[in-house]
Amino acid sequence: MVVRQSGTSIGDRLIDDGLAHRYLLIETEMVRMKALKRKRYEKLIAPIQEELVSMARWVAATGQRLCVLFEGRDTAGKGGAIRAVAEKLNPRQCRTVALSKPSEAEKGQWYFQRYVPHLPGKGEIVLFDRSWYNRAGVEQVMGFATPDEVAAFLKAAPLFEQQLVDDGILLFKYWLSCDQEKQEERFAERVEDPLKRWKLSPIDQAARDRYVDYTASREAMLKATHKKHAPWTLVDFNDQKHGRLTLVRDLLDRLPETACEDKPIDWPPLGHEPVAEEFGVVKPIADFPIRKGD
């Protein structure tokens, strides 16, 4: 069983200090250090993932509703951060929500309406791969929303989130940052790698010339929606592996004490020799050929 001591988070201290329109950027003193190697990353993430499993058990046992928003720059690493949280958890309990662009019917609805059905129920964890904050980011910068629509959203979002928090949802909002130099490296990698090209879109191409515009829209969003009941946390993702460690550690540290006894399972011996598979009607297909030296 993993036991973690709870404590006051940096984010809570930032809000409590009265910096109502500031935001928290989590960076270590060695954020520009040499990129974290996979082997070391896996060693560091392993005990944190044990804590995540304990946290999920606590969520289920106590009926909590945990909702985490992942926003940030294109290529910052939202997908990898979400996998770092969800990889070892039960997919029936922890689910990822990544909505496509709104349909014509959804465009005529209350803006938050299409997100509400995806909010967590009792004992659930929901990870939003982008969220209602699309309106303050890509929709604003790329002209998909009018200035009036953006202004209305920035006014409504804190009220919407206040309702979620007042109803007992544990809401966390993360924004993943990376420099444009690093963003360009990752775009180039996607162009060259046929397994990653699906991640590129015309929006990505257009956004390359609007890095500064995205910065301005982010700052306006933070000024309007960084509230005590739903603060933002910014995490440096120039090194994605380091960023994942920082984000997940912060999430766990900001939750209440989540120690939850892992009840032992009575697993008696089988009682007989193991039985091999037998097939009658349909047989398995031939194994994939693996040759010496492959």
Foldseek 3Di string as FASTA:
>chain_A
DDFDDADAFPLLVCVVVPPFLDAAEDDDPCNVPDFDDPVVLCVLLVVLQVLLQLLLVLQQVVQAFEEEEEAEDQVLQSPVLLCSNPVPPDCVAEDEDEDDPDDPVCVPDDLQVVVVVQGGGGSHYYYYDHHSCCCLALCVQVVVDDPVRSVVCLQCVQVVLVVVVVVRYHYAYEYEYEDLVLVVVSVVVQVVDVVRVVSDDVSVVVCSVVPVVRVVSVSVSSSRRQGSSYHYYYYYRSRVSVRSSVVSVSVSNNDHGSRDDDDDDDDDDPPDDDDDDDDDPDDDDDDDDDDPPD
